[in-house]
Amino acid sequence: MDALPEDLARQVFTHASWTERRSDSYSRLAFLGDSVLSLAVTSHLYPRLEAERYGAGRLTKIRAQTVSGTSCRAVAERLGVPERLRANAPDGVGQSASALVETERVLASVTEAVIGACYLHNGYETTAAAVVEAFQHEIEEALRNPVDFKSTLQERLAQRGAVVAYDVTAEHGPPHDRTFEVLASVEEQEVGRGSGRSKKAAEQEAARGALENLMDEEDDEEEES
């Protein structure tokens, strides 16, 4: 983070509510960094795990857990992201800044923005190596203790008395190389989408997306309260 050019570093640690132009915030960098993070973790895992034990579905779950909002928040805290965010907050936002830097979605997005900025400045190879090093604990944890996103989502929804349904919305490719797209919905309202090489893998991705959307809603509620 310290090696980033000043303009990129400033953008990485600027929340959209702190600037009149959204393009000056970390949003676009987070979008880029999300893809770089996913590719870096996938490229690290793929040649290291035996194909017999780690099929596409299992790899999808491990990657999803490694790059989840919870994992990104843990990395952010180890890298000192909350402190950098507080230091970069403009005068006058005070308590609002303190609330923002505690939310999982913000910390996860800034972590992705850091990765996106490093990619622009240093290129993929250097950034991917740094990502694997930073996420090493999360990678090992996902391998040792895999999380079932579908079960976690249903547990969260059960607290609201809600149930999630999964529907296959599209199938692509020949029978031996098919990709499924799945929609997760609650009371006929979309809560997440996912794709995968099997229906189960696509459902896990949809559940992960739904969990992140659910956390976004909770973060927004906290900011408004």
Protein backbone atom coordinates (compact mmCIF):
# COMPACT_ATOMS: atom_id res chain seq x y z
CA MET A 1 0.00 0.00 0.00
CA ASP A 2 2.80 2.40 0.89
CA ALA A 3 4.43 1.91 -2.53
CA LEU A 4 1.38 3.10 -4.47
CA PRO A 5 1.51 6.45 -6.26
CA GLU A 6 -0.18 9.23 -4.29
CA ASP A 7 -3.16 9.56 -6.66
CA LEU A 8 -3.96 5.83 -6.53
CA ALA A 9 -3.43 5.63 -2.77
CA ARG A 10 -5.77 8.57 -2.22
CA GLN A 11 -8.46 6.95 -4.37
CA VAL A 12 -8.10 3.58 -2.61
CA PHE A 13 -8.86 5.15 0.77
CA THR A 14 -11.70 7.46 -0.29
CA HIS A 15 -15.28 6.39 0.36
CA ALA A 16 -17.91 7.51 -2.17
CA SER A 17 -19.66 9.63 0.47
CA TRP A 18 -16.45 11.60 1.05
CA THR A 19 -16.21 13.01 -2.47
CA GLU A 20 -18.50 14.77 -4.92
CA ARG A 21 -17.29 12.58 -7.79
CA ARG A 22 -17.85 8.86 -7.34
CA SER A 23 -14.98 8.23 -9.76
CA ASP A 24 -12.62 9.64 -7.11
CA SER A 25 -13.59 6.86 -4.67
CA TYR A 26 -12.43 3.26 -4.44
CA SER A 27 -15.47 1.78 -6.24
CA ARG A 28 -13.95 1.25 -9.70
CA LEU A 29 -10.66 -0.02 -8.28
CA ALA A 30 -12.59 -2.51 -6.12
CA PHE A 31 -14.39 -3.79 -9.22
CA LEU A 32 -11.03 -4.39 -10.90
CA GLY A 33 -9.42 -5.83 -7.79
CA ASP A 34 -12.23 -8.33 -7.28
CA SER A 35 -11.36 -9.98 -10.61
CA VAL A 36 -7.61 -9.91 -9.95
CA LEU A 37 -8.12 -11.44 -6.49
CA SER A 38 -10.25 -14.26 -7.88
CA LEU A 39 -7.77 -15.04 -10.66
CA ALA A 40 -4.77 -14.91 -8.33
CA VAL A 41 -6.34 -17.35 -5.87
CA THR A 42 -7.56 -19.66 -8.64
CA SER A 43 -4.14 -19.67 -10.35
CA HIS A 44 -2.50 -20.49 -7.01
CA LEU A 45 -4.87 -23.33 -6.14
CA TYR A 46 -5.31 -25.00 -9.51
CA PRO A 47 -1.85 -26.58 -10.02
CA ARG A 48 -1.39 -27.41 -6.34
CA LEU A 49 -4.53 -29.51 -5.72
CA GLU A 50 -4.94 -32.99 -7.20
CA ALA A 51 -7.66 -33.19 -9.82
CA GLU A 52 -8.95 -36.48 -8.35
CA ARG A 53 -9.80 -34.89 -5.01
CA TYR A 54 -10.46 -31.30 -6.05
CA GLY A 55 -12.97 -31.11 -8.87
CA ALA A 56 -14.40 -27.86 -10.21
CA GLY A 57 -17.20 -27.77 -7.65
CA ARG A 58 -14.87 -28.12 -4.68
CA LEU A 59 -12.42 -25.59 -6.13
CA THR A 60 -15.29 -23.13 -6.54
CA LYS A 61 -16.22 -23.47 -2.86
CA ILE A 62 -12.62 -23.03 -1.69
CA ARG A 63 -12.13 -19.96 -3.86
CA ALA A 64 -15.47 -18.47 -2.84
CA GLN A 65 -14.60 -18.82 0.84
CA THR A 66 -11.10 -17.42 0.33
CA VAL A 67 -12.27 -14.27 -1.47
CA SER A 68 -15.45 -13.73 0.61
CA GLY A 69 -16.20 -10.49 2.38
CA THR A 70 -15.30 -12.07 5.72
CA SER A 71 -11.88 -13.10 4.42
CA CYS A 72 -11.21 -9.72 2.82
CA ARG A 73 -12.11 -7.99 6.07
CA ALA A 74 -9.64 -10.15 8.01
CA VAL A 75 -6.90 -9.29 5.51
CA ALA A 76 -7.84 -5.60 5.71
CA GLU A 77 -7.47 -5.60 9.47
CA ARG A 78 -4.07 -7.30 9.28
CA LEU A 79 -2.90 -4.73 6.71
CA GLY A 80 -4.06 -1.78 8.82
CA VAL A 81 -6.75 -0.67 6.38
CA PRO A 82 -9.15 0.69 9.05
CA GLU A 83 -6.44 3.02 10.37
CA ARG A 84 -5.61 4.25 6.86
CA LEU A 85 -9.28 4.89 6.15
CA ARG A 86 -9.72 6.88 9.36
CA ALA A 87 -6.62 8.92 8.58
CA ASN A 88 -7.93 9.70 5.10
CA ALA A 89 -11.43 10.72 6.22
CA PRO A 90 -12.18 14.41 5.51
CA ASP A 91 -12.82 16.82 8.36
CA GLY A 92 -16.40 16.86 9.55
CA VAL A 93 -17.38 13.23 8.94
CA GLY A 94 -16.16 12.08 12.37
CA GLN A 95 -18.50 9.42 13.73
CA SER A 96 -19.68 8.51 10.24
CA ALA A 97 -16.12 7.58 9.29
CA SER A 98 -15.74 5.44 12.41
CA ALA A 99 -18.91 3.54 11.55
CA LEU A 100 -17.88 3.02 7.94
CA VAL A 101 -14.45 1.60 8.69
CA GLU A 102 -15.99 -1.05 10.91
CA THR A 103 -18.32 -2.46 8.24
CA GLU A 104 -17.32 -5.65 6.48
CA ARG A 105 -18.44 -4.47 3.07
CA VAL A 106 -16.35 -1.29 3.19
CA LEU A 107 -13.22 -3.08 4.44
CA ALA A 108 -13.66 -5.83 1.85
CA SER A 109 -14.11 -3.29 -0.94
CA VAL A 110 -11.04 -1.32 0.10
CA THR A 111 -9.01 -4.54 0.15
CA GLU A 112 -10.16 -5.22 -3.41
CA ALA A 113 -9.35 -1.61 -4.32
CA VAL A 114 -5.81 -2.03 -2.97
CA ILE A 115 -5.43 -5.10 -5.19
CA GLY A 116 -6.82 -3.22 -8.19
CA ALA A 117 -4.46 -0.31 -7.64
CA CYS A 118 -1.47 -2.63 -7.23
CA TYR A 119 -2.42 -4.34 -10.47
CA LEU A 120 -2.50 -1.02 -12.34
CA HIS A 121 0.82 0.06 -10.85
CA ASN A 122 2.80 -3.19 -10.65
CA GLY A 123 1.16 -5.58 -13.13
CA TYR A 124 -0.44 -8.96 -12.58
CA GLU A 125 2.49 -11.21 -11.60
CA THR A 126 3.75 -9.01 -8.77
CA THR A 127 0.22 -8.34 -7.54
CA ALA A 128 -0.82 -12.01 -7.66
CA ALA A 129 2.19 -13.02 -5.57
CA ALA A 130 1.33 -10.36 -2.99
CA VAL A 131 -2.31 -11.48 -2.94
CA VAL A 132 -1.38 -15.11 -2.29
CA GLU A 133 0.93 -14.03 0.53
CA ALA A 134 -1.70 -11.75 2.10
CA PHE A 135 -4.48 -14.36 1.81
CA GLN A 136 -2.37 -17.39 2.78
CA HIS A 137 -4.17 -17.86 6.10
CA GLU A 138 -7.58 -17.63 4.41
CA ILE A 139 -6.52 -20.13 1.72
CA GLU A 140 -5.36 -22.64 4.33
CA GLU A 141 -8.50 -22.10 6.40
CA ALA A 142 -10.72 -22.73 3.35
CA LEU A 143 -8.83 -25.96 2.67
CA ARG A 144 -9.04 -27.17 6.28
CA ASN A 145 -12.50 -25.91 7.24
CA PRO A 146 -14.70 -25.31 4.17
CA VAL A 147 -17.80 -23.19 4.73
CA ASP A 148 -21.16 -24.12 3.22
CA PHE A 149 -22.53 -20.78 1.97
CA LYS A 150 -26.01 -22.24 1.39
CA SER A 151 -26.28 -23.36 5.00
CA THR A 152 -24.89 -20.08 6.31
CA LEU A 153 -27.37 -18.09 4.21
CA GLN A 154 -30.31 -20.16 5.36
CA GLU A 155 -29.28 -19.73 9.00
CA ARG A 156 -29.17 -15.94 8.53
CA LEU A 157 -32.53 -15.90 6.77
CA ALA A 158 -34.12 -18.16 9.39
CA GLN A 159 -33.61 -15.36 11.91
CA ARG A 160 -36.02 -13.33 9.74
CA GLY A 161 -38.40 -16.21 9.20
CA ALA A 162 -37.45 -16.39 5.51
CA VAL A 163 -36.49 -19.24 3.18
CA VAL A 164 -34.32 -19.10 0.06
CA ALA A 165 -35.14 -20.85 -3.22
CA TYR A 166 -32.69 -21.67 -6.02
CA ASP A 167 -33.64 -21.84 -9.69
CA VAL A 168 -31.50 -22.66 -12.73
CA THR A 169 -31.98 -19.76 -15.15
CA ALA A 170 -29.64 -20.87 -17.94
CA GLU A 171 -27.34 -23.66 -19.09
CA HIS A 172 -24.44 -23.13 -21.49
CA GLY A 173 -22.10 -25.45 -23.33
CA PRO A 174 -22.18 -29.12 -24.37
CA PRO A 175 -23.25 -31.82 -21.89
CA HIS A 176 -19.65 -32.71 -20.99
CA ASP A 177 -18.65 -29.09 -20.37
CA ARG A 178 -21.75 -27.34 -19.11
CA THR A 179 -22.03 -24.11 -17.10
CA PHE A 180 -25.12 -23.44 -15.00
CA GLU A 181 -26.52 -20.07 -13.95
CA VAL A 182 -28.62 -19.99 -10.78
CA LEU A 183 -30.88 -17.37 -9.23
CA ALA A 184 -31.38 -17.28 -5.46
CA SER A 185 -34.65 -15.68 -4.36
CA VAL A 186 -36.56 -14.96 -1.16
CA GLU A 187 -40.31 -14.49 -1.47
CA GLU A 188 -39.84 -14.21 -5.26
CA GLN A 189 -37.33 -11.36 -4.84
CA GLU A 190 -33.84 -11.86 -6.24
CA VAL A 191 -31.13 -11.93 -3.58
CA GLY A 192 -28.17 -13.38 -5.47
CA ARG A 193 -26.89 -14.96 -8.69
CA GLY A 194 -24.14 -17.44 -9.38
CA SER A 195 -22.65 -19.65 -12.06
CA GLY A 196 -20.68 -22.87 -11.92
CA ARG A 197 -19.77 -26.11 -13.66
CA SER A 198 -22.45 -27.92 -11.66
CA LYS A 199 -25.81 -26.89 -10.23
CA LYS A 200 -24.47 -27.25 -6.69
CA ALA A 201 -21.46 -25.04 -7.41
CA ALA A 202 -23.70 -22.41 -9.01
CA GLU A 203 -26.00 -22.49 -5.99
CA GLN A 204 -23.02 -21.96 -3.67
CA GLU A 205 -21.96 -18.92 -5.72
CA ALA A 206 -25.52 -17.55 -5.64
CA ALA A 207 -25.65 -18.07 -1.87
CA ARG A 208 -22.32 -16.27 -1.46
CA GLY A 209 -23.63 -13.33 -3.48
CA ALA A 210 -26.82 -13.29 -1.44
CA LEU A 211 -24.83 -13.24 1.81
CA GLU A 212 -22.78 -10.27 0.60
CA ASN A 213 -25.95 -8.44 -0.48
CA LEU A 214 -27.46 -9.18 2.92
CA MET A 215 -24.39 -7.73 4.63
CA ASP A 216 -24.62 -4.65 2.40
CA GLU A 217 -28.19 -4.08 3.56
CA GLU A 218 -27.19 -4.47 7.20
CA ASP A 219 -24.27 -2.07 6.71
CA ASP A 220 -26.63 0.51 5.15
CA GLU A 221 -29.03 0.13 8.07
CA GLU A 222 -26.17 0.69 10.52
CA GLU A 223 -25.04 3.82 8.68
CA GLU A 224 -28.58 5.25 8.71
CA SER A 225 -29.18 4.49 12.39
